[in-house]
Amino acid sequence: MRAKLFILPLLAIAMLTGCDLANPSHEDKDVYLLSVALDYEGTNLNRLEGAVNDQKAMVAQLGHLAQLEGSDFHAVAFTARDGVYMRTESIYTASLDESVSYSAFLPNASMKDRIRDEIALFGKRAKLGDIFIFQYAGHGADSSQEETKELNGGMVVGDIYFPELGDWKDEASNLGSILRIDELLSCVAAVGCERLIILDSCYSGALMPDEGNIFALDDALGAFKALTLKGDDGNGDLYMLSASTSGELSWEDDQHGITHGLFSAALLEALGYNFYVEGIEGVGRPSDGLVTVSGLYQKLKDDFLWDYQSPQMNMWYTDLVLFTLR
C-alpha cells in the first residue's frame, strides 16, 4: 500500500554522475499517456490524498512538454475520486495547436479490464517512433511470500475484502482488483513503440527484472558498446521507473500545500513542473531542453525522498529521449 507521511525536512542526496548516451528524438512522433490514479474513498483501503493530484499534474506537465516540442499528445486518465470513477481523454493536435478533452463515468468494477483494453487500443494507434507512457499512482499489493510472490507490487485498482479469518490473497474476488506486474508487462509488450512505465506505489520495485541489462552509464565498456547498439538490444525499448524497491513503502506528504506522492512530486519537478508557493503549482519548462529517462533519474537522485524510499530504474544500453524542446 502507499503510505502517508506529512511535514518532511529537505535533505540533499549525492548526484549520479556519468555521460548520457541517448536514442535520437523522432520527428513527427506522437506521445501517448495512460494514467491511473485512485484515492480509495468508499473502499476497505486507506484513502490516499495525493494520488489523483499526482495524476492531474502529470497529465498537464507531459501534455505541456509535448506542446513545447510540437508533438501530438493523446492522454487517457482513469480516476477514482470520492467514490466516483471517471475516464478522461485529452488530446492536443500540434498541427492545429488545439486541445480537446472528454470525460465519462465508469462502473468501478470494470477498472482492471478497462486498463488492459485501453493499453490494447493504444497499441493499435502507436507506430514506430512514438512514445507510450503508463503512469500509476495508488496502492501496491504487499505479497512477498513465495507462494503469492506474483502479486507483490501489483496495482490495486479496486476494493479489497479482508476476511476475519484467512488471508485476503485467498479471496478470489480480490484478484479482480489487482493488476499484477506480469499482466501489465504483457499488455505493454504489445505496444509497438518505445515505452516508459512509471509506478508511484508501495513495493513497485517488483516491476524491475531480477537481472537487468547493461546500463550505458555504468562503465567505459558499456558506453563503448552503446555506440553500436539500438535500444531494443538491451531492454526491448521498455523503460521503467518505480517509486520504491519491491520491499519498500512509497510515501506521500503535503509539503507543497497540495498533497503529492514524494516520488511523483520529485519526478514532476525533474520534468519542469513548478511548485511556486504553498498550494500554488503549475506546468513549466525544465532547465534542460533534452528530457531523457536517465536525466530524470539523475535529478531524482538529488531529492530528499531517498531518506524515505529508494526509486528504481531498469537497466539498458541506450537512453530514451522523451522530449526535445524548441
C-alpha atoms as a PDB file:
ATOM      1  CA  MET A   1       0.000   0.000   0.000  1.00  0.00           C
ATOM      2  CA  ARG A   2       1.088   3.569  -0.459  1.00  0.00           C
ATOM      3  CA  ALA A   3       1.592   5.119   2.960  1.00  0.00           C
ATOM      4  CA  LYS A   4       1.076   8.640   4.247  1.00  0.00           C
ATOM      5  CA  LEU A   5       3.707  10.990   5.572  1.00  0.00           C
ATOM      6  CA  PHE A   6       3.490  14.679   6.445  1.00  0.00           C
ATOM      7  CA  ILE A   7       5.943  17.559   7.104  1.00  0.00           C
ATOM      8  CA  LEU A   8       9.346  16.347   5.964  1.00  0.00           C
ATOM      9  CA  PRO A   9      12.730  18.149   6.143  1.00  0.00           C
ATOM     10  CA  LEU A  10      14.598  18.990   2.931  1.00  0.00           C
ATOM     11  CA  LEU A  11      17.796  16.957   2.590  1.00  0.00           C
ATOM     12  CA  ALA A  12      20.326  16.701  -0.227  1.00  0.00           C
ATOM     13  CA  ILE A  13      21.395  13.448  -1.838  1.00  0.00           C
ATOM     14  CA  ALA A  14      24.598  12.914  -3.857  1.00  0.00           C
ATOM     15  CA  MET A  15      24.244  13.099  -7.624  1.00  0.00           C
ATOM     16  CA  LEU A  16      24.549  10.203 -10.022  1.00  0.00           C
ATOM     17  CA  THR A  17      27.375  11.080 -12.395  1.00  0.00           C
ATOM     18  CA  GLY A  18      28.136   9.935 -15.909  1.00  0.00           C
ATOM     19  CA  CYS A  19      27.758  10.733 -19.578  1.00  0.00           C
ATOM     20  CA  ASP A  20      24.471  10.489 -21.476  1.00  0.00           C
ATOM     21  CA  LEU A  21      24.069   8.122 -24.404  1.00  0.00           C
ATOM     22  CA  ALA A  22      20.621   8.521 -25.846  1.00  0.00           C
ATOM     23  CA  ASN A  23      18.451   7.492 -28.738  1.00  0.00           C
ATOM     24  CA  PRO A  24      17.876  10.491 -31.028  1.00  0.00           C
ATOM     25  CA  SER A  25      14.463  12.119 -30.829  1.00  0.00           C
ATOM     26  CA  HIS A  26      11.978  11.304 -33.581  1.00  0.00           C
ATOM     27  CA  GLU A  27      10.322  13.821 -35.869  1.00  0.00           C
ATOM     28  CA  ASP A  28       6.517  13.734 -36.124  1.00  0.00           C
ATOM     29  CA  LYS A  29       6.232  11.462 -33.116  1.00  0.00           C
ATOM     30  CA  ASP A  30       3.064  11.105 -31.088  1.00  0.00           C
ATOM     31  CA  VAL A  31       3.156  10.905 -27.291  1.00  0.00           C
ATOM     32  CA  TYR A  32       0.597   8.602 -25.682  1.00  0.00           C
ATOM     33  CA  LEU A  33      -0.178   8.520 -21.970  1.00  0.00           C
ATOM     34  CA  LEU A  34      -2.365   6.196 -19.931  1.00  0.00           C
ATOM     35  CA  SER A  35      -2.641   7.419 -16.339  1.00  0.00           C
ATOM     36  CA  VAL A  36      -4.376   5.585 -13.480  1.00  0.00           C
ATOM     37  CA  ALA A  37      -4.969   7.126 -10.047  1.00  0.00           C
ATOM     38  CA  LEU A  38      -7.246   6.182  -7.160  1.00  0.00           C
ATOM     39  CA  ASP A  39      -7.968   7.730  -3.756  1.00  0.00           C
ATOM     40  CA  TYR A  40      -9.862   4.606  -2.469  1.00  0.00           C
ATOM     41  CA  GLU A  41     -12.705   6.584  -0.892  1.00  0.00           C
ATOM     42  CA  GLY A  42     -15.530   4.187  -0.021  1.00  0.00           C
ATOM     43  CA  THR A  43     -13.288   1.094  -0.073  1.00  0.00           C
ATOM     44  CA  ASN A  44     -11.701  -1.020   2.665  1.00  0.00           C
ATOM     45  CA  LEU A  45      -8.306   0.571   1.927  1.00  0.00           C
ATOM     46  CA  ASN A  46      -6.895   3.704   3.492  1.00  0.00           C
ATOM     47  CA  ARG A  47      -7.591   6.841   1.477  1.00  0.00           C
ATOM     48  CA  LEU A  48      -4.744   8.439  -0.472  1.00  0.00           C
ATOM     49  CA  GLU A  49      -4.786  12.212  -0.617  1.00  0.00           C
ATOM     50  CA  GLY A  50      -2.083  12.672  -3.245  1.00  0.00           C
ATOM     51  CA  ALA A  51      -2.641  10.074  -5.974  1.00  0.00           C
ATOM     52  CA  VAL A  52      -5.233  11.979  -8.002  1.00  0.00           C
ATOM     53  CA  ASN A  53      -3.243  15.200  -7.569  1.00  0.00           C
ATOM     54  CA  ASP A  54      -0.212  13.352  -8.957  1.00  0.00           C
ATOM     55  CA  GLN A  55      -2.219  12.282 -11.975  1.00  0.00           C
ATOM     56  CA  LYS A  56      -3.653  15.712 -12.692  1.00  0.00           C
ATOM     57  CA  ALA A  57      -0.212  17.310 -12.556  1.00  0.00           C
ATOM     58  CA  MET A  58       1.459  14.564 -14.617  1.00  0.00           C
ATOM     59  CA  VAL A  59      -1.115  14.726 -17.425  1.00  0.00           C
ATOM     60  CA  ALA A  60      -0.817  18.515 -17.528  1.00  0.00           C
ATOM     61  CA  GLN A  61       3.008  18.567 -17.483  1.00  0.00           C
ATOM     62  CA  LEU A  62       3.541  15.837 -20.072  1.00  0.00           C
ATOM     63  CA  GLY A  63       0.968  17.491 -22.311  1.00  0.00           C
ATOM     64  CA  HIS A  64       2.754  20.808 -21.883  1.00  0.00           C
ATOM     65  CA  LEU A  65       6.112  19.281 -22.852  1.00  0.00           C
ATOM     66  CA  ALA A  66       4.585  17.649 -25.924  1.00  0.00           C
ATOM     67  CA  GLN A  67       3.138  21.012 -26.911  1.00  0.00           C
ATOM     68  CA  LEU A  68       6.513  22.727 -26.442  1.00  0.00           C
ATOM     69  CA  GLU A  69       8.123  20.048 -28.600  1.00  0.00           C
ATOM     70  CA  GLY A  70       5.432  20.257 -31.267  1.00  0.00           C
ATOM     71  CA  SER A  71       4.264  16.650 -30.854  1.00  0.00           C
ATOM     72  CA  ASP A  72       0.710  15.381 -30.829  1.00  0.00           C
ATOM     73  CA  PHE A  73      -0.366  14.272 -27.351  1.00  0.00           C
ATOM     74  CA  HIS A  74      -3.100  11.767 -26.530  1.00  0.00           C
ATOM     75  CA  ALA A  75      -3.827  11.017 -22.863  1.00  0.00           C
ATOM     76  CA  VAL A  76      -6.408   8.822 -21.184  1.00  0.00           C
ATOM     77  CA  ALA A  77      -6.810   9.170 -17.420  1.00  0.00           C
ATOM     78  CA  PHE A  78      -8.698   6.644 -15.294  1.00  0.00           C
ATOM     79  CA  THR A  79      -9.546   8.306 -11.991  1.00  0.00           C
ATOM     80  CA  ALA A  80     -11.302   7.169  -8.820  1.00  0.00           C
ATOM     81  CA  ARG A  81     -12.027  10.169  -6.605  1.00  0.00           C
ATOM     82  CA  ASP A  82     -14.554  10.435  -3.776  1.00  0.00           C
ATOM     83  CA  GLY A  83     -16.160   7.186  -4.898  1.00  0.00           C
ATOM     84  CA  VAL A  84     -16.648   8.382  -8.488  1.00  0.00           C
ATOM     85  CA  TYR A  85     -14.849   6.589 -11.327  1.00  0.00           C
ATOM     86  CA  MET A  86     -14.070   8.588 -14.454  1.00  0.00           C
ATOM     87  CA  ARG A  87     -12.366   8.201 -17.823  1.00  0.00           C
ATOM     88  CA  THR A  88     -10.988  11.469 -19.214  1.00  0.00           C
ATOM     89  CA  GLU A  89      -9.473  11.717 -22.681  1.00  0.00           C
ATOM     90  CA  SER A  90      -7.271  14.706 -23.509  1.00  0.00           C
ATOM     91  CA  ILE A  91      -5.880  15.340 -26.997  1.00  0.00           C
ATOM     92  CA  TYR A  92      -3.503  18.032 -28.249  1.00  0.00           C
ATOM     93  CA  THR A  93      -3.038  18.294 -32.015  1.00  0.00           C
ATOM     94  CA  ALA A  94       0.178  20.112 -32.876  1.00  0.00           C
ATOM     95  CA  SER A  95      -0.718  20.940 -36.481  1.00  0.00           C
ATOM     96  CA  LEU A  96      -3.867  22.750 -35.334  1.00  0.00           C
ATOM     97  CA  ASP A  97      -2.484  23.914 -31.984  1.00  0.00           C
ATOM     98  CA  GLU A  98      -5.771  22.808 -30.441  1.00  0.00           C
ATOM     99  CA  SER A  99      -6.709  20.824 -27.337  1.00  0.00           C
ATOM    100  CA  VAL A 100      -9.897  18.933 -26.565  1.00  0.00           C
ATOM    101  CA  SER A 101     -10.998  16.912 -23.536  1.00  0.00           C
ATOM    102  CA  TYR A 102     -13.819  14.444 -22.901  1.00  0.00           C
ATOM    103  CA  SER A 103     -14.974  12.794 -19.668  1.00  0.00           C
ATOM    104  CA  ALA A 104     -17.300   9.879 -18.931  1.00  0.00           C
ATOM    105  CA  PHE A 105     -18.398   7.994 -15.816  1.00  0.00           C
ATOM    106  CA  LEU A 106     -17.194   4.413 -15.346  1.00  0.00           C
ATOM    107  CA  PRO A 107     -18.543   1.454 -13.383  1.00  0.00           C
ATOM    108  CA  ASN A 108     -15.854   0.805 -10.770  1.00  0.00           C
ATOM    109  CA  ALA A 109     -15.962  -2.963 -11.133  1.00  0.00           C
ATOM    110  CA  SER A 110     -14.506  -2.781 -14.631  1.00  0.00           C
ATOM    111  CA  MET A 111     -11.324  -0.808 -13.870  1.00  0.00           C
ATOM    112  CA  LYS A 112      -8.812  -3.646 -14.350  1.00  0.00           C
ATOM    113  CA  ASP A 113     -10.305  -4.812 -17.652  1.00  0.00           C
ATOM    114  CA  ARG A 114     -10.651  -1.254 -18.902  1.00  0.00           C
ATOM    115  CA  ILE A 115      -6.958  -0.554 -18.259  1.00  0.00           C
ATOM    116  CA  ARG A 116      -5.942  -3.624 -20.235  1.00  0.00           C
ATOM    117  CA  ASP A 117      -8.362  -2.763 -23.041  1.00  0.00           C
ATOM    118  CA  GLU A 118      -7.111   0.831 -23.176  1.00  0.00           C
ATOM    119  CA  ILE A 119      -3.494  -0.295 -23.469  1.00  0.00           C
ATOM    120  CA  ALA A 120      -4.554  -2.541 -26.355  1.00  0.00           C
ATOM    121  CA  LEU A 121      -6.185   0.445 -28.098  1.00  0.00           C
ATOM    122  CA  PHE A 122      -3.001   2.495 -27.700  1.00  0.00           C
ATOM    123  CA  GLY A 123      -1.122  -0.451 -29.174  1.00  0.00           C
ATOM    124  CA  LYS A 124      -3.239  -0.238 -32.325  1.00  0.00           C
ATOM    125  CA  ARG A 125      -2.563   3.502 -32.700  1.00  0.00           C
ATOM    126  CA  ALA A 126       1.122   3.708 -31.798  1.00  0.00           C
ATOM    127  CA  LYS A 127       3.729   3.471 -34.542  1.00  0.00           C
ATOM    128  CA  LEU A 128       7.483   3.140 -34.577  1.00  0.00           C
ATOM    129  CA  GLY A 129       8.985   6.409 -33.309  1.00  0.00           C
ATOM    130  CA  ASP A 130       6.106   7.208 -30.954  1.00  0.00           C
ATOM    131  CA  ILE A 131       6.341   7.086 -27.153  1.00  0.00           C
ATOM    132  CA  PHE A 132       3.836   5.373 -24.857  1.00  0.00           C
ATOM    133  CA  ILE A 133       3.846   6.199 -21.133  1.00  0.00           C
ATOM    134  CA  PHE A 134       1.933   4.296 -18.459  1.00  0.00           C
ATOM    135  CA  GLN A 135       1.694   6.107 -15.125  1.00  0.00           C
ATOM    136  CA  TYR A 136       0.103   4.772 -11.947  1.00  0.00           C
ATOM    137  CA  ALA A 137      -0.440   6.420  -8.560  1.00  0.00           C
ATOM    138  CA  GLY A 138      -2.132   4.306  -5.923  1.00  0.00           C
ATOM    139  CA  HIS A 139      -1.739   1.355  -3.600  1.00  0.00           C
ATOM    140  CA  GLY A 140       0.605  -1.534  -4.344  1.00  0.00           C
ATOM    141  CA  ALA A 141      -0.006  -5.058  -3.096  1.00  0.00           C
ATOM    142  CA  ASP A 142       2.265  -6.460  -0.368  1.00  0.00           C
ATOM    143  CA  SER A 143       2.855 -10.128  -1.074  1.00  0.00           C
ATOM    144  CA  SER A 144       6.473 -11.223  -0.919  1.00  0.00           C
ATOM    145  CA  GLN A 145       5.708 -14.795   0.189  1.00  0.00           C
ATOM    146  CA  GLU A 146       6.939 -17.396  -2.274  1.00  0.00           C
ATOM    147  CA  GLU A 147       3.513 -18.875  -2.990  1.00  0.00           C
ATOM    148  CA  THR A 148       1.929 -15.499  -3.799  1.00  0.00           C
ATOM    149  CA  LYS A 149       5.009 -13.570  -4.876  1.00  0.00           C
ATOM    150  CA  GLU A 150       3.458 -12.801  -8.258  1.00  0.00           C
ATOM    151  CA  LEU A 151       1.042 -10.417  -6.509  1.00  0.00           C
ATOM    152  CA  ASN A 152       3.789  -8.302  -4.929  1.00  0.00           C
ATOM    153  CA  GLY A 153       3.773  -4.738  -6.231  1.00  0.00           C
ATOM    154  CA  GLY A 154       0.552  -5.342  -8.126  1.00  0.00           C
ATOM    155  CA  MET A 155      -1.574  -2.245  -8.741  1.00  0.00           C
ATOM    156  CA  VAL A 156      -4.691  -2.185  -6.576  1.00  0.00           C
ATOM    157  CA  VAL A 157      -7.326  -0.800  -8.934  1.00  0.00           C
ATOM    158  CA  GLY A 158     -10.433  -1.663  -6.919  1.00  0.00           C
ATOM    159  CA  ASP A 159     -11.652  -2.648  -3.475  1.00  0.00           C
ATOM    160  CA  ILE A 160     -10.068  -5.413  -1.400  1.00  0.00           C
ATOM    161  CA  TYR A 161     -12.048  -7.585   1.009  1.00  0.00           C
ATOM    162  CA  PHE A 162     -10.221  -8.509   4.218  1.00  0.00           C
ATOM    163  CA  PRO A 163     -11.845 -11.581   5.822  1.00  0.00           C
ATOM    164  CA  GLU A 164     -11.933 -12.012   9.586  1.00  0.00           C
ATOM    165  CA  LEU A 165     -10.321 -15.416   9.122  1.00  0.00           C
ATOM    166  CA  GLY A 166      -7.799 -16.333   6.468  1.00  0.00           C
ATOM    167  CA  ASP A 167      -5.682 -14.353   4.038  1.00  0.00           C
ATOM    168  CA  TRP A 168      -7.022 -11.633   1.752  1.00  0.00           C
ATOM    169  CA  LYS A 169      -4.989 -13.189  -1.072  1.00  0.00           C
ATOM    170  CA  ASP A 170      -7.150 -16.326  -0.850  1.00  0.00           C
ATOM    171  CA  GLU A 171     -10.292 -14.376  -1.749  1.00  0.00           C
ATOM    172  CA  ALA A 172     -10.943 -14.911  -5.450  1.00  0.00           C
ATOM    173  CA  SER A 173     -12.803 -11.602  -5.782  1.00  0.00           C
ATOM    174  CA  ASN A 174      -9.706  -9.681  -4.686  1.00  0.00           C
ATOM    175  CA  LEU A 175      -7.702 -10.864  -7.687  1.00  0.00           C
ATOM    176  CA  GLY A 176     -10.062  -8.914  -9.930  1.00  0.00           C
ATOM    177  CA  SER A 177      -8.941  -5.727  -8.156  1.00  0.00           C
ATOM    178  CA  ILE A 178      -5.208  -6.281  -8.676  1.00  0.00           C
ATOM    179  CA  LEU A 179      -3.407  -5.708 -11.957  1.00  0.00           C
ATOM    180  CA  ARG A 180      -0.297  -7.816 -11.480  1.00  0.00           C
ATOM    181  CA  ILE A 181       3.102  -6.628 -12.690  1.00  0.00           C
ATOM    182  CA  ASP A 182       3.367  -9.507 -15.156  1.00  0.00           C
ATOM    183  CA  GLU A 183      -0.099  -8.693 -16.517  1.00  0.00           C
ATOM    184  CA  LEU A 184       0.881  -5.061 -17.030  1.00  0.00           C
ATOM    185  CA  LEU A 185       4.122  -6.020 -18.781  1.00  0.00           C
ATOM    186  CA  SER A 186       2.270  -8.458 -21.025  1.00  0.00           C
ATOM    187  CA  CYS A 187      -0.180  -5.739 -22.081  1.00  0.00           C
ATOM    188  CA  VAL A 188       2.504  -3.112 -22.629  1.00  0.00           C
ATOM    189  CA  ALA A 189       4.607  -5.551 -24.684  1.00  0.00           C
ATOM    190  CA  ALA A 190       2.013  -5.319 -27.466  1.00  0.00           C
ATOM    191  CA  VAL A 191       2.521  -1.552 -27.890  1.00  0.00           C
ATOM    192  CA  GLY A 192       4.886  -1.220 -30.843  1.00  0.00           C
ATOM    193  CA  CYS A 193       6.961   1.806 -29.873  1.00  0.00           C
ATOM    194  CA  GLU A 194       9.294   2.939 -27.098  1.00  0.00           C
ATOM    195  CA  ARG A 195       7.540   2.628 -23.743  1.00  0.00           C
ATOM    196  CA  LEU A 196       8.009   4.071 -20.272  1.00  0.00           C
ATOM    197  CA  ILE A 197       6.284   2.681 -17.157  1.00  0.00           C
ATOM    198  CA  ILE A 198       6.092   4.924 -14.072  1.00  0.00           C
ATOM    199  CA  LEU A 199       4.740   3.460 -10.835  1.00  0.00           C
ATOM    200  CA  ASP A 200       4.254   5.503  -7.662  1.00  0.00           C
ATOM    201  CA  SER A 201       3.097   2.818  -5.263  1.00  0.00           C
ATOM    202  CA  CYS A 202       4.430   0.681  -2.467  1.00  0.00           C
ATOM    203  CA  TYR A 203       6.553  -2.339  -3.467  1.00  0.00           C
ATOM    204  CA  SER A 204       6.635  -1.012  -7.043  1.00  0.00           C
ATOM    205  CA  GLY A 205      10.242  -2.152  -7.438  1.00  0.00           C
ATOM    206  CA  ALA A 206       8.750  -5.565  -8.213  1.00  0.00           C
ATOM    207  CA  LEU A 207       8.443  -4.080 -11.701  1.00  0.00           C
ATOM    208  CA  MET A 208      12.195  -4.462 -12.224  1.00  0.00           C
ATOM    209  CA  PRO A 209      13.633  -7.709 -13.599  1.00  0.00           C
ATOM    210  CA  ASP A 210      15.881  -9.690 -11.267  1.00  0.00           C
ATOM    211  CA  GLU A 211      18.767  -9.359 -13.697  1.00  0.00           C
ATOM    212  CA  GLY A 212      18.880  -6.097 -15.630  1.00  0.00           C
ATOM    213  CA  ASN A 213      20.780  -5.369 -18.817  1.00  0.00           C
ATOM    214  CA  ILE A 214      23.965  -3.312 -19.030  1.00  0.00           C
ATOM    215  CA  PHE A 215      23.241   0.342 -18.270  1.00  0.00           C
ATOM    216  CA  ALA A 216      25.365   2.528 -20.541  1.00  0.00           C
ATOM    217  CA  LEU A 217      26.445   4.864 -17.747  1.00  0.00           C
ATOM    218  CA  ASP A 218      27.902   2.084 -15.627  1.00  0.00           C
ATOM    219  CA  ASP A 219      31.331   1.774 -17.182  1.00  0.00           C
ATOM    220  CA  ALA A 220      33.515   2.614 -20.161  1.00  0.00           C
ATOM    221  CA  LEU A 221      32.917  -0.760 -21.818  1.00  0.00           C
ATOM    222  CA  GLY A 222      29.163  -0.316 -21.607  1.00  0.00           C
ATOM    223  CA  ALA A 223      29.483   3.184 -23.041  1.00  0.00           C
ATOM    224  CA  PHE A 224      31.589   1.891 -25.936  1.00  0.00           C
ATOM    225  CA  LYS A 225      29.101  -0.865 -26.720  1.00  0.00           C
ATOM    226  CA  ALA A 226      26.214   1.637 -26.627  1.00  0.00           C
ATOM    227  CA  LEU A 227      27.665   3.424 -29.656  1.00  0.00           C
ATOM    228  CA  THR A 228      26.775   0.453 -31.867  1.00  0.00           C
ATOM    229  CA  LEU A 229      23.627  -0.835 -30.178  1.00  0.00           C
ATOM    230  CA  LYS A 230      19.962   0.034 -30.532  1.00  0.00           C
ATOM    231  CA  GLY A 231      17.663   0.447 -27.534  1.00  0.00           C
ATOM    232  CA  ASP A 232      15.931  -2.856 -28.173  1.00  0.00           C
ATOM    233  CA  ASP A 233      19.279  -4.675 -27.960  1.00  0.00           C
ATOM    234  CA  GLY A 234      19.236  -4.022 -24.218  1.00  0.00           C
ATOM    235  CA  ASN A 235      15.681  -3.713 -22.936  1.00  0.00           C
ATOM    236  CA  GLY A 236      13.218  -4.190 -25.765  1.00  0.00           C
ATOM    237  CA  ASP A 237      12.510  -0.434 -25.847  1.00  0.00           C
ATOM    238  CA  LEU A 238      10.926  -0.701 -22.387  1.00  0.00           C
ATOM    239  CA  TYR A 239      11.996   1.805 -19.715  1.00  0.00           C
ATOM    240  CA  MET A 240      10.832   1.636 -16.093  1.00  0.00           C
ATOM    241  CA  LEU A 241      10.810   4.000 -13.121  1.00  0.00           C
ATOM    242  CA  SER A 242       9.414   2.914  -9.759  1.00  0.00           C
ATOM    243  CA  ALA A 243       8.937   4.850  -6.539  1.00  0.00           C
ATOM    244  CA  SER A 244      10.488   2.229  -4.257  1.00  0.00           C
ATOM    245  CA  THR A 245      12.056  -1.200  -4.106  1.00  0.00           C
ATOM    246  CA  SER A 246       9.967  -4.376  -4.077  1.00  0.00           C
ATOM    247  CA  GLY A 247      10.096  -4.345  -0.269  1.00  0.00           C
ATOM    248  CA  GLU A 248       9.567  -0.646   0.482  1.00  0.00           C
ATOM    249  CA  LEU A 249       6.645   1.655   1.119  1.00  0.00           C
ATOM    250  CA  SER A 250       6.022   4.708  -1.042  1.00  0.00           C
ATOM    251  CA  TRP A 251       5.100   7.839   0.879  1.00  0.00           C
ATOM    252  CA  GLU A 252       3.099  10.995   0.259  1.00  0.00           C
ATOM    253  CA  ASP A 253       3.151  14.356   2.052  1.00  0.00           C
ATOM    254  CA  ASP A 254       1.756  17.890   1.881  1.00  0.00           C
ATOM    255  CA  GLN A 255       4.978  19.905   1.866  1.00  0.00           C
ATOM    256  CA  HIS A 256       3.777  21.796  -1.226  1.00  0.00           C
ATOM    257  CA  GLY A 257       0.415  22.674   0.321  1.00  0.00           C
ATOM    258  CA  ILE A 258      -1.315  20.219  -2.021  1.00  0.00           C
ATOM    259  CA  THR A 259      -0.596  16.581  -1.149  1.00  0.00           C
ATOM    260  CA  HIS A 260       1.511  14.561  -3.604  1.00  0.00           C
ATOM    261  CA  GLY A 261       3.476  11.352  -3.558  1.00  0.00           C
ATOM    262  CA  LEU A 262       7.098  12.060  -2.684  1.00  0.00           C
ATOM    263  CA  PHE A 263       8.253  10.254  -5.813  1.00  0.00           C
ATOM    264  CA  SER A 264       5.678  11.872  -8.096  1.00  0.00           C
ATOM    265  CA  ALA A 265       6.482  15.361  -6.809  1.00  0.00           C
ATOM    266  CA  ALA A 266      10.211  14.833  -7.373  1.00  0.00           C
ATOM    267  CA  LEU A 267       9.602  13.441 -10.847  1.00  0.00           C
ATOM    268  CA  LEU A 268       7.286  16.328 -11.709  1.00  0.00           C
ATOM    269  CA  GLU A 269       9.966  18.825 -10.664  1.00  0.00           C
ATOM    270  CA  ALA A 270      12.520  16.983 -12.784  1.00  0.00           C
ATOM    271  CA  LEU A 271      10.125  17.341 -15.730  1.00  0.00           C
ATOM    272  CA  GLY A 272       9.930  21.106 -15.135  1.00  0.00           C
ATOM    273  CA  TYR A 273       6.698  21.306 -13.130  1.00  0.00           C
ATOM    274  CA  ASN A 274       6.618  24.274 -10.756  1.00  0.00           C
ATOM    275  CA  PHE A 275       5.720  24.284  -7.073  1.00  0.00           C
ATOM    276  CA  TYR A 276       5.639  28.057  -6.667  1.00  0.00           C
ATOM    277  CA  VAL A 277       4.422  28.662  -3.114  1.00  0.00           C
ATOM    278  CA  GLU A 278       2.347  26.567  -0.745  1.00  0.00           C
ATOM    279  CA  GLY A 279      -0.779  25.457  -2.572  1.00  0.00           C
ATOM    280  CA  ILE A 280       0.168  27.052  -5.914  1.00  0.00           C
ATOM    281  CA  GLU A 281       1.624  24.850  -8.658  1.00  0.00           C
ATOM    282  CA  GLY A 282       1.581  24.522 -12.421  1.00  0.00           C
ATOM    283  CA  VAL A 283       3.279  23.390 -15.615  1.00  0.00           C
ATOM    284  CA  GLY A 284       6.696  24.682 -16.577  1.00  0.00           C
ATOM    285  CA  ARG A 285       9.765  24.180 -18.723  1.00  0.00           C
ATOM    286  CA  PRO A 286      12.683  22.041 -17.474  1.00  0.00           C
ATOM    287  CA  SER A 287      16.147  23.562 -17.258  1.00  0.00           C
ATOM    288  CA  ASP A 288      17.454  21.045 -19.797  1.00  0.00           C
ATOM    289  CA  GLY A 289      15.839  21.114 -23.240  1.00  0.00           C
ATOM    290  CA  LEU A 290      16.642  17.426 -23.732  1.00  0.00           C
ATOM    291  CA  VAL A 291      14.408  15.355 -21.437  1.00  0.00           C
ATOM    292  CA  THR A 292      15.649  11.776 -21.091  1.00  0.00           C
ATOM    293  CA  VAL A 293      14.888   8.878 -18.757  1.00  0.00           C
ATOM    294  CA  SER A 294      18.414   8.859 -17.301  1.00  0.00           C
ATOM    295  CA  GLY A 295      18.302  12.635 -16.871  1.00  0.00           C
ATOM    296  CA  LEU A 296      15.095  12.365 -14.861  1.00  0.00           C
ATOM    297  CA  TYR A 297      16.550   9.615 -12.674  1.00  0.00           C
ATOM    298  CA  GLN A 298      19.706  11.633 -12.094  1.00  0.00           C
ATOM    299  CA  LYS A 299      17.604  14.544 -10.836  1.00  0.00           C
ATOM    300  CA  LEU A 300      15.670  12.167  -8.585  1.00  0.00           C
ATOM    301  CA  LYS A 301      18.971  11.169  -7.005  1.00  0.00           C
ATOM    302  CA  ASP A 302      19.274  14.749  -5.758  1.00  0.00           C
ATOM    303  CA  ASP A 303      15.946  14.700  -3.942  1.00  0.00           C
ATOM    304  CA  PHE A 304      15.406  14.168  -0.215  1.00  0.00           C
ATOM    305  CA  LEU A 305      12.876  11.396  -0.909  1.00  0.00           C
ATOM    306  CA  TRP A 306      15.819   8.954  -0.772  1.00  0.00           C
ATOM    307  CA  ASP A 307      15.729   9.299   3.018  1.00  0.00           C
ATOM    308  CA  TYR A 308      12.364   7.521   2.945  1.00  0.00           C
ATOM    309  CA  GLN A 309      12.322   5.278  -0.121  1.00  0.00           C
ATOM    310  CA  SER A 310      14.589   4.192  -2.972  1.00  0.00           C
ATOM    311  CA  PRO A 311      13.357   4.896  -6.507  1.00  0.00           C
ATOM    312  CA  GLN A 312      14.424   2.304  -9.063  1.00  0.00           C
ATOM    313  CA  MET A 313      15.245   2.372 -12.765  1.00  0.00           C
ATOM    314  CA  ASN A 314      15.733  -0.622 -15.033  1.00  0.00           C
ATOM    315  CA  MET A 315      18.967  -1.148 -16.917  1.00  0.00           C
ATOM    316  CA  TRP A 316      19.559  -0.612 -20.642  1.00  0.00           C
ATOM    317  CA  TYR A 317      22.206   0.178 -23.217  1.00  0.00           C
ATOM    318  CA  THR A 318      20.695   3.289 -24.809  1.00  0.00           C
ATOM    319  CA  ASP A 319      18.841   6.126 -23.097  1.00  0.00           C
ATOM    320  CA  LEU A 320      15.378   7.273 -24.203  1.00  0.00           C
ATOM    321  CA  VAL A 321      14.764  10.857 -25.281  1.00  0.00           C
ATOM    322  CA  LEU A 322      11.249  11.741 -24.157  1.00  0.00           C
ATOM    323  CA  PHE A 323      11.166  15.355 -25.368  1.00  0.00           C
ATOM    324  CA  THR A 324      13.429  17.667 -27.337  1.00  0.00           C
ATOM    325  CA  LEU A 325      12.196  21.177 -26.559  1.00  0.00           C
ATOM    326  CA  ARG A 326      12.396  24.042 -29.013  1.00  0.00           C
END
